[in-house]
Protein backbone atom coordinates (compact mmCIF):
# COMPACT_ATOMS: atom_id res chain seq x y z
CA MET A 1 -45.65 -36.30 18.77
CA ALA A 2 -44.50 -35.91 15.37
CA LYS A 3 -45.26 -32.15 15.69
CA VAL A 4 -43.16 -32.26 18.93
CA GLN A 5 -40.36 -34.10 16.83
CA SER A 6 -41.11 -31.37 14.07
CA LYS A 7 -40.44 -28.52 16.10
CA ARG A 8 -37.39 -29.77 17.87
CA ARG A 9 -36.35 -30.16 14.57
CA LEU A 10 -36.79 -26.81 13.40
CA ILE A 11 -35.15 -25.58 16.79
CA VAL A 12 -32.35 -27.24 16.30
CA ALA A 13 -32.05 -25.80 12.53
CA ILE A 14 -32.74 -22.48 13.97
CA VAL A 15 -29.82 -22.99 16.68
CA VAL A 16 -27.42 -24.55 14.08
CA LEU A 17 -28.20 -21.78 11.66
CA ALA A 18 -27.52 -18.91 14.19
CA VAL A 19 -23.85 -20.31 15.10
CA ILE A 20 -23.10 -20.61 11.52
CA LEU A 21 -23.93 -16.80 11.18
CA LEU A 22 -22.10 -16.17 14.37
CA VAL A 23 -19.20 -18.10 13.05
CA ILE A 24 -19.31 -16.53 9.99
CA GLY A 25 -19.69 -12.94 11.50
CA GLY A 26 -16.87 -13.38 13.95
CA VAL A 27 -14.48 -14.55 10.51
CA VAL A 28 -15.55 -11.06 9.02
CA ILE A 29 -15.02 -9.19 11.82
CA ALA A 30 -11.65 -11.05 12.73
CA GLN A 31 -10.21 -10.29 9.30
CA ARG A 32 -11.12 -6.73 9.39
CA LEU A 33 -9.35 -6.19 12.24
CA ASN A 34 -6.48 -8.23 10.90
CA ASN A 35 -6.61 -5.96 7.85
CA GLU A 36 -6.52 -2.67 10.39
CA THR A 37 -3.49 -3.98 11.77
CA SER A 38 -0.78 -1.14 11.46
CA VAL A 39 2.89 -1.31 10.95
CA SER A 40 3.58 1.12 13.66
CA SER A 41 1.12 3.08 16.38
CA THR A 42 0.15 5.99 14.01
CA ASP A 43 -1.00 3.68 11.13
CA SER A 44 -4.48 3.08 10.04
CA SER A 45 -5.64 1.26 7.67
CA LYS A 46 -8.85 2.17 5.19
CA ASP A 47 -9.68 -1.31 3.89
CA ALA A 48 -7.34 -4.29 2.66
CA THR A 49 -5.92 -2.68 0.01
CA ALA A 50 -5.68 1.08 1.19
CA GLN A 51 -3.73 2.29 3.95
CA ASP A 52 -2.98 5.58 5.64
CA THR A 53 0.82 5.99 7.23
CA GLU A 54 2.19 8.43 9.25
CA SER A 55 5.90 8.24 10.25
CA ASP A 56 7.19 10.13 13.38
CA ALA A 57 9.72 12.36 12.39
CA ASP A 58 10.10 15.53 10.18
CA GLU A 59 12.88 15.27 8.01
CA SER A 60 13.38 17.63 4.62
CA LYS A 61 15.90 16.45 1.99
CA ASP A 62 16.83 17.49 -1.23
CA THR A 63 15.58 15.84 -4.61
CA PRO A 64 17.71 13.42 -5.94
CA ASP A 65 18.34 12.96 -9.49
CA ILE A 66 16.35 10.48 -11.08
CA ALA A 67 18.14 8.44 -13.19
CA GLU A 68 17.45 4.93 -14.22
CA THR A 69 18.94 2.34 -12.08
CA THR A 70 18.64 -1.10 -11.18
CA GLU A 71 19.95 -2.73 -7.91
CA THR A 72 20.21 -6.57 -8.17
CA GLU A 73 20.70 -6.79 -4.00
CA PRO A 74 18.21 -5.10 -1.20
CA ALA A 75 20.26 -2.51 0.73
CA THR A 76 20.63 -2.71 4.42
CA VAL A 77 17.76 -1.27 6.12
CA ASP A 78 18.60 1.74 8.61
CA PRO A 79 15.61 1.66 11.43
CA GLU A 80 17.27 4.98 12.65
CA THR A 81 16.04 6.46 9.07
CA LEU A 82 13.92 4.51 7.45
CA ALA A 83 10.20 3.40 7.85
CA SER A 84 8.22 0.42 6.47
CA ILE A 85 4.60 -0.44 5.09
CA ALA A 86 3.94 -4.22 3.96
CA ILE A 87 2.23 -4.05 0.42
CA GLU A 88 0.56 -7.93 0.91
CA PRO A 89 -1.18 -7.84 -2.34
CA LEU A 90 2.24 -7.24 -3.86
CA GLY A 91 4.32 -9.52 -1.52
CA VAL A 92 6.93 -6.57 -0.84
CA MET A 93 7.86 -4.61 2.12
CA VAL A 94 8.27 -1.12 1.07
CA TYR A 95 10.68 1.24 2.74
CA TYR A 96 10.26 4.97 2.77
CA SER A 97 12.48 7.87 4.68
CA LYS A 98 11.53 8.34 8.29
CA GLY A 99 9.66 11.83 8.06
CA THR A 100 7.92 10.91 5.36
CA PRO A 101 4.05 12.85 6.17
CA GLY A 102 1.07 10.46 6.12
CA PHE A 103 -0.33 8.88 2.94
CA GLY A 104 -2.76 6.07 1.38
CA TYR A 105 -1.94 3.51 -1.37
CA SER A 106 -4.24 1.18 -3.28
CA VAL A 107 -3.49 -1.69 -5.01
CA MET A 108 -4.43 -1.74 -8.57
CA LYS A 109 -4.09 -3.15 -11.93
CA THR A 110 -3.08 -1.58 -15.56
CA THR A 111 -4.99 -2.79 -18.75
CA ASP A 112 -1.75 -5.05 -19.06
CA LYS A 113 -3.11 -6.77 -15.68
CA THR A 114 0.08 -5.61 -14.08
CA GLU A 115 -0.09 -5.32 -10.43
CA TYR A 116 0.51 -1.90 -8.78
CA ALA A 117 0.66 0.23 -5.56
CA GLN A 118 -0.69 3.94 -6.05
CA PHE A 119 0.74 6.26 -2.80
CA THR A 120 -1.41 9.21 -2.52
CA SER A 121 -1.83 11.93 0.03
CA ALA A 122 -5.16 14.37 0.44
CA ASP A 123 -2.67 17.24 0.67
CA LEU A 124 -1.62 16.88 -2.79
CA VAL A 125 -4.81 16.72 -4.17
CA GLY A 126 -4.88 20.17 -6.85
CA THR A 127 -7.40 21.43 -9.04
CA LYS A 128 -5.93 21.16 -12.13
CA CYS A 129 -6.43 17.96 -12.69
CA THR A 130 -10.00 16.05 -13.17
CA ASN A 131 -10.19 13.24 -10.63
CA ASP A 132 -7.25 14.57 -8.88
CA GLU A 133 -6.33 11.83 -6.03
CA GLY A 134 -2.85 13.45 -4.99
CA ALA A 135 -1.12 10.27 -6.62
CA PHE A 136 3.19 10.61 -5.69
CA ALA A 137 4.50 7.57 -6.43
CA SER A 138 3.80 4.10 -8.01
CA ILE A 139 5.37 1.04 -7.40
CA ILE A 140 4.69 -1.66 -10.36
CA LYS A 141 5.59 -5.62 -9.55
CA ASN A 142 7.03 -6.91 -12.94
CA PRO A 143 6.49 -3.90 -15.11
CA SER A 144 5.89 -4.36 -18.99
CA THR A 145 8.43 -2.76 -21.70
CA SER A 146 6.17 0.00 -22.09
CA GLU A 147 5.57 0.33 -18.31
CA SER A 148 9.49 0.34 -17.82
CA GLN A 149 10.00 3.73 -19.47
CA THR A 150 8.01 5.44 -17.14
CA THR A 151 10.24 4.41 -13.76
CA SER A 152 12.88 6.17 -12.63
CA LYS A 153 14.39 3.04 -10.63
CA THR A 154 13.99 -0.70 -10.61
CA VAL A 155 15.47 -3.36 -8.04
CA LYS A 156 15.07 -7.25 -8.29
CA VAL A 157 13.56 -8.84 -5.45
CA GLY A 158 13.78 -12.93 -5.70
CA GLU A 159 12.22 -13.51 -8.85
CA ASP A 160 10.26 -10.19 -9.28
CA THR A 161 10.97 -6.86 -10.48
CA PHE A 162 9.89 -3.88 -8.71
CA GLY A 163 9.80 -0.22 -10.66
CA LEU A 164 9.51 3.11 -9.15
CA SER A 165 7.38 5.73 -11.06
CA LEU A 166 6.82 8.93 -9.74
CA ALA A 167 4.16 11.53 -10.45
CA SER A 168 4.80 14.35 -12.21
CA ALA A 169 3.96 17.87 -10.76
CA GLY A 170 1.20 18.94 -13.29
CA CYS A 171 -1.52 18.36 -11.06
CA THR A 172 -1.08 19.05 -7.41
CA ALA A 173 -0.29 22.66 -6.09
CA ASN A 174 2.27 21.72 -3.09
CA THR A 175 5.15 20.96 -5.30
CA GLU A 176 7.41 21.02 -2.10
CA LEU A 177 5.22 18.78 -0.21
CA LEU A 178 5.33 16.17 -3.55
CA THR A 179 9.22 16.82 -3.63
CA LYS A 180 9.20 15.69 0.18
CA TYR A 181 7.02 12.37 -0.47
CA GLN A 182 8.76 11.27 -3.59
CA THR A 183 12.39 11.89 -2.15
CA GLY A 184 11.40 10.31 0.91
CA PHE A 185 10.28 6.89 -1.51
CA GLU A 186 13.48 7.23 -3.59
CA GLN A 187 15.61 6.68 -0.71
CA GLY A 188 13.91 3.83 0.71
CA PHE A 189 13.07 2.31 -2.74
CA SER A 190 16.28 0.27 -3.17
CA SER A 191 15.83 -1.61 0.33
CA LEU A 192 12.39 -3.18 -0.96
CA LYS A 193 12.06 -6.91 0.17
CA ALA A 194 9.79 -9.62 -0.07
CA LEU A 195 7.18 -10.60 2.66
């Protein structure tokens, strides 16, 4: 009788463990699927902090002056000309010109623990720099004084300040495409909004 009860307890423990593992697996899969949801039908996710995006129009713009400007009120978003992507780790919605080619991003921290999103494109990877990732822009959350020196524009969103830092053309072999990416991000930068 004791052996039968012991076997029943063992079977119940195994079943309970299997159910727990299935629930945990389901949660993990659901989180991955949630991270893979896209901003638009053409977006796809690499992982929780790196995504590829592609807009639905192809426009070419001239490069505006890179003068230090600070915006305190976010600009009105024109859905006809701007696309967006949510950068959840920074708590901000980033806008860029429609027609900006596909790109990916990674959220990282500087040595000063400042968070930033680095935007990259495989089409910008050059052979002039070691380990070039094709970076064309970064959005820095609450940049330090030294980091502010590398930003071309800043905008205040709620209690946070975000700075736009554009990569130099020193690494890429395609400066025309680099200009297109950077122009797209500059034109939408003042429209940043909190999530």
